[in-house]
Protein backbone atom coordinates (compact mmCIF):
# COMPACT_ATOMS: atom_id res chain seq x y z
CA MET A 1 -19.07 -14.14 -29.05
CA ASN A 2 -17.51 -17.57 -29.70
CA MET A 3 -19.49 -20.81 -30.03
CA GLN A 4 -18.28 -22.16 -26.70
CA ILE A 5 -19.73 -19.15 -24.85
CA LYS A 6 -23.02 -19.40 -26.80
CA GLU A 7 -23.42 -23.05 -25.83
CA LYS A 8 -22.63 -22.35 -22.17
CA LEU A 9 -25.11 -19.45 -22.03
CA SER A 10 -27.91 -21.77 -23.11
CA LEU A 11 -27.10 -24.13 -20.21
CA LEU A 12 -26.96 -21.58 -17.39
CA PRO A 13 -29.11 -22.38 -14.30
CA SER A 14 -31.43 -19.99 -12.46
CA ASN A 15 -29.65 -20.56 -9.13
CA PRO A 16 -27.62 -18.02 -7.19
CA GLY A 17 -23.85 -18.34 -7.45
CA CYS A 18 -20.58 -16.90 -8.73
CA TYR A 19 -19.22 -16.58 -12.26
CA LEU A 20 -15.56 -16.38 -13.30
CA MET A 21 -14.75 -14.62 -16.58
CA LYS A 22 -11.53 -15.79 -18.32
CA ASP A 23 -9.35 -14.41 -21.10
CA SER A 24 -7.67 -16.29 -23.98
CA PHE A 25 -4.90 -17.45 -21.60
CA SER A 26 -7.52 -18.98 -19.24
CA THR A 27 -6.61 -16.31 -16.67
CA ILE A 28 -9.50 -15.20 -14.45
CA ILE A 29 -10.05 -11.51 -15.20
CA TYR A 30 -13.34 -10.89 -13.37
CA VAL A 31 -15.35 -12.57 -10.61
CA GLY A 32 -19.00 -11.70 -10.02
CA LYS A 33 -22.00 -13.00 -8.12
CA ALA A 34 -25.68 -13.20 -9.01
CA LYS A 35 -29.02 -14.08 -7.47
CA VAL A 36 -29.96 -15.61 -10.85
CA LEU A 37 -26.87 -16.76 -12.76
CA LYS A 38 -28.73 -17.21 -16.05
CA ASN A 39 -29.90 -13.59 -16.20
CA ARG A 40 -26.75 -11.95 -14.91
CA VAL A 41 -24.18 -13.76 -17.06
CA ARG A 42 -26.28 -13.42 -20.23
CA SER A 43 -26.57 -9.66 -19.65
CA TYR A 44 -22.87 -9.24 -20.47
CA PHE A 45 -23.33 -10.57 -24.00
CA VAL A 46 -26.55 -8.81 -25.04
CA GLY A 47 -27.45 -5.13 -25.40
CA SER A 48 -25.20 -2.10 -25.22
CA HIS A 49 -22.68 -1.29 -22.47
CA ASN A 50 -20.50 1.62 -21.46
CA THR A 51 -16.93 1.79 -22.76
CA LYS A 52 -15.15 0.32 -19.76
CA THR A 53 -17.55 -2.66 -19.58
CA GLU A 54 -16.97 -3.25 -23.30
CA HIS A 55 -13.22 -3.48 -22.50
CA LEU A 56 -13.98 -6.29 -20.06
CA ILE A 57 -16.35 -8.10 -22.44
CA SER A 58 -13.87 -7.88 -25.34
CA GLU A 59 -11.37 -9.93 -23.33
CA ILE A 60 -13.78 -12.69 -22.24
CA ALA A 61 -12.94 -15.94 -24.03
CA ASP A 62 -14.62 -18.33 -21.58
CA PHE A 63 -16.38 -18.43 -18.22
CA GLU A 64 -17.14 -20.79 -15.35
CA ILE A 65 -19.91 -20.79 -12.76
CA ILE A 66 -20.18 -22.02 -9.18
CA VAL A 67 -23.72 -22.58 -7.89
CA THR A 68 -24.46 -21.76 -4.24
CA GLU A 69 -27.41 -22.34 -1.94
CA SER A 70 -28.12 -18.64 -1.34
CA ASN A 71 -27.18 -15.13 -2.36
CA ILE A 72 -25.32 -14.64 0.94
CA GLU A 73 -23.27 -17.75 0.27
CA ALA A 74 -22.49 -16.38 -3.20
CA LEU A 75 -21.32 -13.09 -1.67
CA LEU A 76 -18.94 -14.82 0.76
CA LEU A 77 -17.63 -17.07 -2.02
CA GLU A 78 -17.09 -14.07 -4.32
CA ILE A 79 -14.92 -12.28 -1.74
CA ASN A 80 -12.79 -15.42 -1.28
CA LEU A 81 -12.42 -15.90 -5.05
CA ILE A 82 -11.36 -12.26 -5.53
CA LYS A 83 -8.82 -12.60 -2.72
CA LYS A 84 -7.41 -15.82 -4.18
CA ASN A 85 -7.31 -14.91 -7.90
CA GLN A 86 -6.94 -11.11 -7.78
CA PRO A 87 -8.75 -10.55 -11.10
CA LYS A 88 -7.60 -7.41 -12.85
CA TYR A 89 -11.13 -6.03 -13.43
CA ASN A 90 -12.40 -6.48 -9.88
CA VAL A 91 -12.36 -3.69 -7.32
CA MET A 92 -9.24 -4.38 -5.29
CA LEU A 93 -8.40 -2.43 -2.14
CA ARG A 94 -4.71 -2.49 -3.05
CA ASP A 95 -3.55 0.26 -0.71
CA ASP A 96 -4.20 -1.81 2.45
CA LYS A 97 -4.95 1.44 4.27
CA THR A 98 -4.75 1.22 8.05
CA TYR A 99 -5.15 3.96 10.63
CA PRO A 100 -3.16 4.66 13.80
CA PHE A 101 -4.53 4.00 17.28
CA ILE A 102 -3.34 5.07 20.72
CA LYS A 103 -2.73 2.01 22.85
CA ILE A 104 -2.41 1.66 26.64
CA THR A 105 -0.59 -1.63 27.19
CA ASN A 106 -1.83 -4.27 29.63
CA GLU A 107 1.31 -4.42 31.82
CA ASN A 108 2.18 -3.90 35.49
CA TYR A 109 3.62 -0.52 34.47
CA PRO A 110 1.59 0.40 31.36
CA ARG A 111 3.02 2.26 28.36
CA LEU A 112 1.35 4.61 25.89
CA LEU A 113 2.02 3.61 22.27
CA ILE A 114 0.91 4.38 18.73
CA THR A 115 0.02 1.30 16.70
CA ARG A 116 -1.78 0.36 13.48
CA LYS A 117 -2.78 -3.12 14.66
CA VAL A 118 -5.60 -3.85 17.11
CA LEU A 119 -4.78 -7.12 18.90
CA LYS A 120 -6.71 -9.21 21.41
CA ASP A 121 -4.15 -8.54 24.17
CA LYS A 122 -6.41 -6.92 26.81
CA ALA A 123 -4.84 -3.54 26.05
CA TYR A 124 -6.95 -0.38 25.64
CA TYR A 125 -7.16 1.09 22.12
CA PHE A 126 -8.45 4.49 21.12
CA GLY A 127 -8.91 5.52 17.49
CA PRO A 128 -8.50 5.32 14.65
CA PHE A 129 -6.98 8.77 14.16
CA PRO A 130 -7.09 10.65 10.82
CA ASN A 131 -3.32 10.21 10.45
CA VAL A 132 -0.25 9.44 12.50
CA GLY A 133 0.34 13.17 13.03
CA ALA A 134 -2.97 13.58 14.85
CA ALA A 135 -2.20 10.51 16.98
CA ASN A 136 1.28 11.85 17.79
CA ASP A 137 -0.14 15.24 18.80
CA THR A 138 -2.53 13.58 21.25
CA LYS A 139 0.17 11.25 22.60
CA LYS A 140 2.56 14.17 23.21
CA ILE A 141 -0.07 15.88 25.34
CA LEU A 142 -0.72 12.70 27.32
CA ASP A 143 3.03 12.06 27.79
CA ARG A 144 3.42 15.51 29.31
CA LEU A 145 0.36 15.11 31.54
CA TYR A 146 0.84 11.50 32.67
CA PRO A 147 4.33 10.06 33.31
CA LEU A 148 3.73 6.47 32.19
CA ARG A 149 6.67 4.15 31.51
CA LYS A 150 8.38 4.76 28.15
CA CYS A 151 11.05 2.05 27.86
CA LYS A 152 10.14 -1.40 26.55
CA ILE A 153 13.05 -2.98 28.43
CA ALA A 154 13.74 -1.53 31.86
CA PRO A 155 17.11 0.33 31.96
CA LYS A 156 19.57 0.01 34.85
CA GLU A 157 19.35 3.70 35.71
CA ALA A 158 16.85 6.53 35.34
CA CYS A 159 16.59 7.65 31.71
CA LEU A 160 16.04 11.07 30.13
CA TYR A 161 12.24 10.73 30.38
CA TYR A 162 12.53 10.62 34.17
CA HIS A 163 14.55 13.83 34.22
CA MET A 164 11.98 15.41 31.85
CA GLN A 165 9.28 14.40 34.37
CA GLN A 166 7.57 12.18 31.78
CA CYS A 167 8.25 8.89 33.58
CA LEU A 168 8.19 7.85 37.27
CA ALA A 169 11.11 5.45 36.66
CA PRO A 170 9.53 2.26 38.10
CA CYS A 171 12.72 0.49 36.98
CA ILE A 172 14.60 2.32 39.77
CA PHE A 173 12.03 3.41 42.34
CA ASN A 174 9.36 1.47 44.21
CA ILE A 175 6.16 3.05 42.83
CA SER A 176 2.84 2.29 44.50
CA LYS A 177 0.62 -0.03 42.44
CA LYS A 178 -2.27 2.42 42.90
CA VAL A 179 -0.56 5.19 40.94
CA TYR A 180 -0.68 3.64 37.47
CA PRO A 181 -4.38 2.61 37.46
CA LEU A 182 -5.25 6.19 38.47
CA MET A 183 -3.20 7.62 35.56
CA VAL A 184 -4.66 5.08 33.11
CA GLY A 185 -8.16 6.01 34.27
CA GLU A 186 -7.42 9.70 33.71
CA ILE A 187 -6.06 9.00 30.19
CA LYS A 188 -9.16 6.99 29.30
CA LYS A 189 -11.37 9.84 30.53
CA PHE A 190 -9.40 12.28 28.39
CA LEU A 191 -9.67 10.12 25.26
CA ASN A 192 -13.37 9.46 25.88
CA GLY A 193 -14.30 13.13 26.03
CA GLY A 194 -13.30 14.10 29.56
CA HIS A 195 -10.80 16.68 28.35
CA GLU A 196 -12.85 19.55 29.81
CA VAL A 197 -12.26 18.32 33.38
CA ILE A 198 -8.53 17.93 32.71
CA THR A 199 -8.30 21.35 31.04
CA LYS A 200 -10.04 22.90 34.06
CA LYS A 201 -7.49 21.29 36.42
CA LEU A 202 -4.61 22.57 34.30
CA LYS A 203 -6.03 26.11 34.33
CA MET A 204 -6.27 25.97 38.12
CA LYS A 205 -2.64 24.82 38.34
CA MET A 206 -1.61 27.57 35.91
CA ASP A 207 -3.34 30.23 38.04
CA ASP A 208 -1.66 28.88 41.19
CA ALA A 209 1.75 28.93 39.49
CA SER A 210 1.19 32.53 38.38
CA LYS A 211 0.24 33.61 41.91
CA GLN A 212 3.42 31.99 43.24
CA LEU A 213 5.42 33.83 40.51
CA ALA A 214 6.45 30.49 38.94
CA PHE A 215 6.08 31.92 35.47
CA GLU A 216 8.00 29.17 33.63
CA LYS A 217 5.72 26.53 35.15
CA ALA A 218 2.66 28.65 34.29
CA ALA A 219 3.84 29.02 30.69
CA GLU A 220 4.35 25.26 30.42
CA LEU A 221 0.80 24.63 31.68
CA ARG A 222 -0.57 27.26 29.29
CA ASN A 223 1.16 25.48 26.36
CA GLN A 224 -0.37 22.17 27.43
CA ILE A 225 -3.85 23.73 27.49
CA GLN A 226 -3.31 25.22 24.02
CA SER A 227 -2.11 21.85 22.70
CA ILE A 228 -5.27 20.15 23.97
CA GLU A 229 -7.46 22.78 22.34
CA THR A 230 -5.54 22.48 19.03
CA VAL A 231 -6.00 18.72 18.90
CA LEU A 232 -9.67 18.91 19.81
CA LEU A 233 -10.33 21.48 17.07
CA LYS A 234 -9.49 18.73 14.56
CA GLN A 235 -12.31 16.56 15.87
CA ARG A 236 -15.99 17.33 15.32
CA MET A 237 -18.25 16.42 18.23
CA MET A 238 -21.38 14.39 17.55
CA ASN A 239 -24.30 14.65 19.95
CA ILE A 240 -25.59 11.06 19.87
CA ASP A 241 -23.66 8.98 22.39
CA GLN A 242 -20.13 7.72 23.05
CA LYS A 243 -20.31 4.63 20.82
CA ASP A 244 -17.75 3.66 18.18
CA ARG A 245 -19.46 3.41 14.80
CA ASP A 246 -18.74 3.46 11.06
CA VAL A 247 -21.24 5.24 8.81
CA PHE A 248 -21.47 4.27 5.11
CA GLY A 249 -22.94 6.19 2.22
CA TYR A 250 -22.53 5.58 -1.52
CA VAL A 251 -23.64 6.81 -4.92
CA ALA A 252 -23.10 5.47 -8.45
CA SER A 253 -23.09 7.19 -11.83
CA LYS A 254 -21.78 6.43 -15.34
CA GLY A 255 -20.27 3.11 -14.29
CA TYR A 256 -18.40 4.52 -11.27
CA MET A 257 -19.14 4.21 -7.58
CA CYS A 258 -18.08 6.48 -4.72
CA VAL A 259 -18.22 5.16 -1.14
CA GLN A 260 -17.86 7.49 1.83
CA VAL A 261 -17.17 6.12 5.32
CA PHE A 262 -17.29 8.22 8.50
CA PHE A 263 -15.29 6.83 11.44
CA ILE A 264 -16.90 7.96 14.69
CA ARG A 265 -15.06 7.14 17.91
CA GLN A 266 -16.35 8.08 21.37
CA GLY A 267 -18.81 10.50 19.78
CA LYS A 268 -16.22 12.23 17.60
CA LEU A 269 -16.08 12.18 13.81
CA ILE A 270 -12.31 11.76 13.59
CA GLU A 271 -11.79 10.56 10.02
CA ARG A 272 -13.46 9.77 6.73
CA ASP A 273 -12.47 7.44 3.93
CA VAL A 274 -13.35 8.13 0.29
CA SER A 275 -13.11 5.41 -2.39
CA LEU A 276 -13.88 6.03 -6.06
CA PHE A 277 -13.75 3.11 -8.50
CA PRO A 278 -15.31 1.58 -11.64
CA PHE A 279 -17.80 -1.27 -11.18
CA TYR A 280 -19.16 -3.87 -13.60
CA GLY A 281 -22.11 -5.46 -11.81
CA GLU A 282 -25.22 -4.20 -10.04
CA VAL A 283 -24.76 -1.17 -7.78
CA SER A 284 -26.11 -2.67 -4.55
CA GLU A 285 -24.34 -6.00 -5.11
CA ASP A 286 -20.98 -4.39 -5.82
CA PHE A 287 -21.33 -2.25 -2.70
CA LEU A 288 -21.72 -5.45 -0.65
CA THR A 289 -18.51 -6.80 -2.21
CA TYR A 290 -16.75 -3.54 -1.36
CA ILE A 291 -17.82 -3.53 2.29
CA GLY A 292 -16.75 -7.18 2.67
CA GLN A 293 -13.31 -6.42 1.27
CA PHE A 294 -13.08 -3.24 3.34
CA TYR A 295 -13.15 -5.08 6.65
CA GLU A 296 -11.34 -8.24 5.55
CA LYS A 297 -8.45 -7.03 3.39
CA ASN A 298 -7.67 -3.93 5.45
CA GLU A 299 -8.01 -5.86 8.74
CA HIS A 300 -9.95 -2.79 9.74
CA PHE A 301 -11.02 -2.16 13.31
CA ILE A 302 -14.64 -3.33 13.58
CA PRO A 303 -16.70 -0.88 15.68
CA LYS A 304 -19.66 -1.61 17.92
CA GLU A 305 -22.08 -0.36 15.29
CA ILE A 306 -22.27 0.12 11.51
CA LEU A 307 -24.85 2.42 9.90
CA LEU A 308 -25.96 1.70 6.32
CA PRO A 309 -28.39 3.18 3.75
CA GLN A 310 -31.85 1.64 3.48
CA GLU A 311 -31.37 -0.16 0.14
CA VAL A 312 -28.48 -2.35 1.37
CA ASP A 313 -29.17 -6.05 2.02
CA VAL A 314 -28.51 -6.01 5.76
CA ALA A 315 -28.67 -9.82 6.09
CA SER A 316 -25.68 -10.12 3.73
CA VAL A 317 -23.66 -7.59 5.72
CA LYS A 318 -24.44 -9.39 8.98
CA ALA A 319 -23.19 -12.64 7.44
CA MET A 320 -19.81 -10.99 6.75
CA ILE A 321 -19.31 -8.70 9.76
CA LYS A 322 -20.03 -9.74 13.32
CA THR A 323 -21.26 -6.51 14.87
CA LYS A 324 -24.47 -4.49 15.19
CA ILE A 325 -25.79 -3.38 11.77
CA LEU A 326 -28.41 -0.62 11.60
CA GLN A 327 -30.34 1.09 8.80
CA PRO A 328 -31.78 4.18 10.55
CA LYS A 329 -35.00 5.65 9.22
CA ARG A 330 -35.08 8.86 11.28
CA GLY A 331 -33.20 10.87 13.86
CA GLU A 332 -29.52 11.75 14.25
CA LYS A 333 -28.27 8.43 12.90
CA LYS A 334 -30.30 8.84 9.72
CA LYS A 335 -28.80 12.32 9.34
CA LEU A 336 -25.32 10.81 9.57
CA VAL A 337 -26.09 8.31 6.78
CA ASP A 338 -27.60 11.09 4.65
CA LEU A 339 -24.50 13.21 5.27
CA ALA A 340 -22.25 10.34 4.14
CA ILE A 341 -24.34 9.92 0.97
CA LYS A 342 -24.24 13.66 0.32
CA ASN A 343 -20.46 13.73 0.70
CA ALA A 344 -20.12 10.69 -1.58
CA ASN A 345 -22.17 12.48 -4.24
CA ILE A 346 -20.05 15.63 -3.96
CA SER A 347 -16.83 13.61 -4.16
CA LEU A 348 -18.06 11.73 -7.23
CA GLN A 349 -18.99 14.93 -9.03
CA GLU A 350 -15.74 16.69 -8.08
CA LYS A 351 -13.49 13.83 -9.07
CA PHE A 352 -15.26 12.58 -12.17
CA ASP A 353 -13.67 15.00 -14.60
CA LEU A 354 -10.26 14.43 -13.06
CA LEU A 355 -10.77 10.67 -13.25
CA ILE A 356 -11.61 10.87 -16.94
CA LYS A 357 -8.42 12.85 -17.57
CA ARG A 358 -6.33 10.38 -15.61
CA GLU A 359 -7.89 7.42 -17.37
CA GLU A 360 -7.08 9.03 -20.70
CA LYS A 361 -3.43 8.90 -19.64
CA THR A 362 -3.63 5.37 -18.23
CA ILE A 363 -6.62 3.21 -19.20
CA GLY A 364 -7.09 5.05 -22.50
CA ALA A 365 -3.37 4.82 -23.26
CA ILE A 366 -3.10 1.06 -22.65
CA LYS A 367 -6.29 0.44 -24.63
CA ARG A 368 -4.88 2.28 -27.68
CA LEU A 369 -1.50 0.62 -27.18
CA GLY A 370 -3.19 -2.80 -27.31
CA GLU A 371 -5.07 -1.78 -30.45
CA ALA A 372 -1.85 -0.58 -32.13
CA ILE A 373 -0.07 -3.86 -31.35
CA ASN A 374 -3.24 -5.88 -32.07
CA ILE A 375 -3.38 -7.59 -28.65
CA PRO A 376 -5.97 -7.43 -25.82
CA THR A 377 -5.66 -4.36 -23.62
CA PRO A 378 -2.33 -4.79 -21.75
CA VAL A 379 -3.63 -4.11 -18.25
CA ARG A 380 -0.50 -5.64 -16.67
CA ILE A 381 2.82 -4.64 -18.24
CA GLU A 382 6.16 -5.96 -16.98
CA ALA A 383 9.33 -4.20 -18.21
CA PHE A 384 12.98 -5.33 -17.92
CA ASP A 385 16.36 -3.60 -18.09
CA ASN A 386 19.97 -4.72 -17.48
CA SER A 387 22.71 -2.63 -15.89
CA ASN A 388 26.49 -3.11 -15.67
CA ILE A 389 29.73 -1.20 -16.20
CA SER A 390 32.38 -3.20 -18.06
CA GLY A 391 30.70 -6.35 -16.81
CA THR A 392 31.11 -5.50 -13.10
CA SER A 393 28.28 -6.22 -10.66
CA PRO A 394 25.77 -7.05 -13.47
CA VAL A 395 22.16 -6.70 -12.39
CA ALA A 396 18.69 -6.54 -13.92
CA ALA A 397 15.40 -5.06 -12.82
CA MET A 398 11.72 -5.50 -13.55
CA VAL A 399 9.00 -2.93 -13.00
CA CYS A 400 5.27 -3.60 -13.17
CA PHE A 401 2.57 -1.20 -14.41
CA ILE A 402 -1.10 -2.08 -13.84
CA ASP A 403 -3.76 0.06 -15.50
CA GLY A 404 -0.97 2.30 -16.75
CA LYS A 405 0.31 3.06 -13.22
CA PRO A 406 3.42 1.76 -11.42
CA VAL A 407 2.81 -0.86 -8.72
CA LYS A 408 6.02 -0.72 -6.72
CA ASN A 409 5.40 -3.73 -4.50
CA GLU A 410 5.52 -5.81 -7.72
CA TYR A 411 8.99 -4.51 -8.70
CA ARG A 412 11.82 -7.08 -8.68
CA LYS A 413 15.66 -6.84 -8.60
CA TYR A 414 18.04 -9.53 -9.90
CA LYS A 415 21.74 -10.15 -9.38
CA ILE A 416 23.03 -11.87 -12.53
CA LYS A 417 24.41 -15.26 -11.48
CA THR A 418 25.27 -17.27 -14.62
CA VAL A 419 26.84 -14.66 -16.90
CA GLN A 420 30.48 -13.53 -16.88
CA GLY A 421 31.23 -10.08 -18.25
CA ALA A 422 28.98 -7.68 -20.15
CA ASP A 423 26.73 -10.05 -22.13
CA ASP A 424 23.39 -8.25 -22.31
CA TYR A 425 21.61 -11.01 -24.24
CA ALA A 426 22.71 -13.80 -21.88
CA SER A 427 21.73 -11.64 -18.90
CA MET A 428 18.29 -11.11 -20.44
CA LYS A 429 17.86 -14.87 -20.92
CA GLU A 430 18.71 -15.55 -17.28
CA VAL A 431 16.32 -12.92 -15.92
CA ILE A 432 13.42 -13.87 -18.20
CA TYR A 433 13.84 -17.53 -17.22
CA ARG A 434 14.03 -16.74 -13.49
CA ARG A 435 11.00 -14.47 -13.62
CA TYR A 436 8.60 -16.62 -15.62
CA SER A 437 9.65 -20.01 -14.28
CA ARG A 438 8.68 -18.56 -10.90
CA VAL A 439 5.41 -17.21 -12.34
CA LEU A 440 4.62 -20.75 -13.53
CA LYS A 441 5.72 -22.42 -10.30
CA GLU A 442 3.80 -20.07 -7.97
CA SER A 443 0.77 -19.48 -10.27
CA LEU A 444 1.40 -15.73 -10.34
CA PRO A 445 -0.49 -13.53 -12.82
CA PHE A 446 0.94 -13.46 -16.35
CA PRO A 447 1.67 -10.07 -17.91
CA ASP A 448 -0.45 -8.88 -20.81
CA LEU A 449 2.71 -7.41 -22.36
CA ILE A 450 6.45 -7.80 -21.72
CA LEU A 451 8.61 -4.77 -22.52
CA LEU A 452 12.39 -5.01 -22.93
CA ASP A 453 14.88 -2.17 -22.97
CA GLY A 454 16.86 -2.87 -26.14
CA GLY A 455 16.09 -4.12 -29.61
CA LYS A 456 15.97 -7.23 -31.82
CA GLY A 457 18.67 -9.07 -29.87
CA GLN A 458 16.82 -8.70 -26.58
CA ILE A 459 13.55 -9.91 -28.17
CA ASP A 460 15.29 -12.97 -29.66
CA ALA A 461 16.91 -13.81 -26.31
CA ALA A 462 13.63 -13.51 -24.41
CA LEU A 463 11.61 -15.47 -27.00
CA GLU A 464 14.11 -18.34 -26.95
CA VAL A 465 13.54 -18.73 -23.20
CA LEU A 466 9.77 -18.19 -23.25
CA TYR A 467 8.92 -20.43 -26.21
CA ASN A 468 11.62 -23.10 -26.17
CA GLN A 469 12.32 -23.53 -22.44
CA LEU A 470 9.09 -22.53 -20.70
CA GLY A 471 6.49 -23.15 -23.41
CA LEU A 472 4.90 -19.72 -22.97
CA ASP A 473 3.36 -17.56 -25.67
CA LEU A 474 3.30 -14.07 -24.21
CA PRO A 475 3.20 -10.74 -26.11
CA ILE A 476 6.70 -9.25 -26.09
CA ALA A 477 8.12 -5.97 -27.39
CA ALA A 478 11.31 -3.92 -27.18
CA LEU A 479 11.73 -0.19 -26.60
CA VAL A 480 14.51 1.13 -28.84
CA LYS A 481 16.35 4.33 -27.88
CA ASN A 482 17.85 6.89 -30.27
CA GLU A 483 21.36 8.41 -30.21
CA LYS A 484 20.18 10.83 -27.51
CA HIS A 485 19.22 7.85 -25.33
CA ARG A 486 15.52 8.63 -25.49
CA THR A 487 12.59 6.35 -26.35
CA HIS A 488 12.50 6.17 -30.16
CA GLU A 489 10.37 3.26 -31.40
CA LEU A 490 8.56 0.07 -30.39
CA LEU A 491 9.40 -3.32 -31.94
CA PHE A 492 6.88 -6.11 -31.42
CA GLY A 493 7.12 -9.89 -31.63
CA SER A 494 9.41 -12.29 -33.45
CA LYS A 495 9.02 -10.39 -36.73
CA PHE A 496 10.22 -7.15 -35.07
CA GLU A 497 7.21 -5.25 -36.34
CA LYS A 498 7.63 -1.48 -35.98
CA ILE A 499 4.52 -0.18 -34.21
CA PRO A 500 3.51 3.29 -35.45
CA LEU A 501 2.83 5.56 -32.49
CA LEU A 502 2.45 9.32 -32.54
CA ARG A 503 5.19 11.00 -30.49
CA ASN A 504 2.68 13.27 -28.76
CA SER A 505 0.21 10.47 -27.93
CA GLU A 506 -0.55 9.31 -24.40
CA GLU A 507 0.45 5.74 -25.29
CA PHE A 508 3.91 6.91 -26.40
CA PHE A 509 4.30 8.96 -23.20
CA LEU A 510 3.27 5.87 -21.19
CA LEU A 511 5.99 3.77 -22.85
CA GLU A 512 8.50 6.52 -22.18
CA ARG A 513 7.51 6.60 -18.49
CA ILE A 514 7.85 2.83 -18.23
CA GLN A 515 11.28 2.81 -19.92
CA ASN A 516 12.57 5.63 -17.73
CA GLU A 517 11.23 3.95 -14.59
CA VAL A 518 12.80 0.54 -15.26
CA HIS A 519 16.11 2.20 -16.18
CA ARG A 520 16.03 4.27 -12.97
CA PHE A 521 15.24 1.20 -10.88
CA ALA A 522 17.99 -0.90 -12.48
CA ILE A 523 20.72 1.76 -12.32
CA THR A 524 19.90 2.62 -8.69
CA PHE A 525 20.21 -1.05 -7.72
CA HIS A 526 23.46 -1.38 -9.68
CA ARG A 527 25.06 1.68 -8.08
CA LYS A 528 24.10 0.52 -4.61
CA LEU A 529 25.47 -2.97 -5.20
CA ARG A 530 28.68 -1.74 -6.87
CA SER A 531 29.33 0.75 -4.09
CA LYS A 532 28.77 -1.90 -1.44
CA ASN A 533 31.01 -4.43 -3.21
CA SER A 534 33.83 -1.90 -3.65
CA PHE A 535 33.50 -0.80 -0.07
CA THR A 536 33.67 -4.29 1.44
CA SER A 537 36.30 -5.69 -0.97
CA ILE A 538 38.90 -3.07 0.00
CA LEU A 539 38.25 -3.47 3.71
CA ASP A 540 38.44 -7.27 3.33
CA ASP A 541 42.12 -6.90 2.42
CA ILE A 542 42.97 -5.17 5.70
CA LYS A 543 44.02 -7.62 8.38
CA GLY A 544 42.07 -7.20 11.61
CA VAL A 545 38.98 -5.59 10.04
CA GLY A 546 36.05 -7.95 10.63
CA THR A 547 32.35 -7.92 9.75
CA LYS A 548 31.47 -5.88 12.84
CA HIS A 549 34.06 -3.22 11.98
CA LYS A 550 32.88 -2.98 8.36
CA ARG A 551 29.26 -2.63 9.44
CA SER A 552 30.18 0.12 11.90
CA LEU A 553 32.24 2.01 9.30
CA LEU A 554 29.50 1.73 6.67
CA LYS A 555 26.87 2.93 9.13
CA ASN A 556 28.83 5.95 10.35
CA PHE A 557 30.72 7.14 7.24
CA LYS A 558 28.57 5.86 4.33
CA SER A 559 31.44 5.90 1.78
CA LEU A 560 35.18 5.20 1.32
CA LYS A 561 35.78 8.85 0.53
CA LYS A 562 34.46 9.94 3.93
CA ILE A 563 36.47 7.23 5.73
CA LYS A 564 39.59 8.42 3.92
CA GLU A 565 38.87 12.00 5.02
CA ALA A 566 38.29 10.97 8.66
CA SER A 567 41.01 11.39 11.29
CA ILE A 568 42.52 8.53 13.30
CA GLU A 569 40.55 9.78 16.33
CA GLU A 570 37.27 9.77 14.38
CA LEU A 571 37.90 6.21 13.25
CA GLN A 572 38.64 5.18 16.83
CA ALA A 573 35.37 6.79 17.92
CA VAL A 574 33.37 4.10 16.09
CA GLY A 575 35.04 1.31 18.09
CA LEU A 576 38.31 0.66 16.22
CA ALA A 577 41.64 0.08 17.93
CA LYS A 578 44.29 2.71 17.16
CA ASN A 579 46.51 0.31 15.17
CA ILE A 580 43.50 -0.86 13.07
CA ALA A 581 42.46 2.75 12.43
CA LYS A 582 45.98 3.53 11.21
CA LYS A 583 45.97 0.50 8.88
CA ILE A 584 42.63 1.55 7.36
CA LYS A 585 43.84 5.12 6.93
CA LYS A 586 47.09 4.04 5.21
CA THR A 587 45.33 1.54 2.92
CA LEU A 588 42.76 4.08 1.77
CA MET A 589 45.33 6.82 1.26
CA ASP A 590 47.13 4.44 -1.13
CA TYR A 591 43.87 3.44 -2.82
CA ARG A 592 43.03 5.52 -5.89
CA SER A 593 39.34 5.50 -6.47
CA HIS A 594 36.57 7.76 -7.67
CA TYR A 595 34.45 6.99 -4.57
């Protein structure tokens, strides 16, 4: 503990509020809240802690506090601070999981759609469904039973859906305005549990068709009945009422929390969500943070009712979520909460061993890697690689690993703009400058370690940009390959220190995965760009071939080789005039290429 932290600890107030833990780069790495700031913040620096909390504490070089008027205010502030700063040690719902809904549009001639967004557009939404497959199964049944409009823009003549008897074609025929409300009402009844009435009607129609010897029609009705029964088997009926509600249960053990959420819609338990994550504060307080993020970050559908365990601070939840919050003490609702808790406990026990093994490969690997290099644990690693063939279409790529796992929405691709020919060092300078000047400009998170594919030259090139041009002091290393083009050794820093790593260690395997991933990403981008450039450059030389023609050829044939193999008639079939098709054919027959 440094002197600055000791002095600040002695000045902490007893008020509620938020605290922001920072590393040696003044980057916020953890945000927490407390009813009594003095007690909570001090607890990090006294006594013993589990291993993962010690990782957090080892990186704390400073902290700040923000005093609030109440614990609820601190909770709301904490969620906003996490959203703004995205601290690496906070629980982040990174997957942005959303669930599909069936939507009946609010139009003169309504449509039946599948959507993941619930809007305030006066449409009717049913869901969420466990997955898009379950939603599609239900929609297929409804499309066959109720011929609502399918086309977004009305066609000029009856479409295939009309001939399949799945649309009344209001674009062509004058359909009574009473028909559609009746169908919409039937669909709502079906979705809200009235499937038994509809199934009974279908069985009656099937029997009538059989008596009239219309066996094909009877078979079609039988298939519809079976489809309904198949879909309904995936949904467990609850005998409380028809309300939409979310039911939460959670357990915590050994520094990890498991939260189980049951989604109940119109009396059916149609989905559950399981989240397992490490936590660093108090169990009940961190659960409140989780539930706040759950509804805000995921833009999750908020039901009419939320059921919570007894120990949760219900006033805090009500401050975050504007709906009915209950903590049942008895009856069916209490059984639902208990069932959620029981499932959370089972999930935690089942996944704990697996989590430990995974963390050995990820969290454990980056911790030991940091120790070997003598830097703080590199939670965020950004790796770079260049790709070109004889200087043509030079590109570079960056991949990002957080907690030892790839985060693909953080990957970046670069077309080299300032370098002529195959100059790997100059290309590296350009990409490093473009990446980290943007990081500075947009206040993006800095990496804990930069990895380069190469050796001493790449390190020198990157350091010249970072230190001399941008004024940044970031840990940087290079992954050197052997004659077999496999990861061989790790060089670190300006002194090119060789870092001793066992070849069979998880940290070495992690570096190998990162190097292979950045190489794959770079070479894929380069091939795509080179193929596109070659494709368009040849066609550019043919008089009469415009942008529209090139786009059509690329869409239909994918490559020059396939265009060359196509007949004049096949080229004309994509919209080319005969003389243009002949020109393209002759040019490509003369063109000698490996494509």
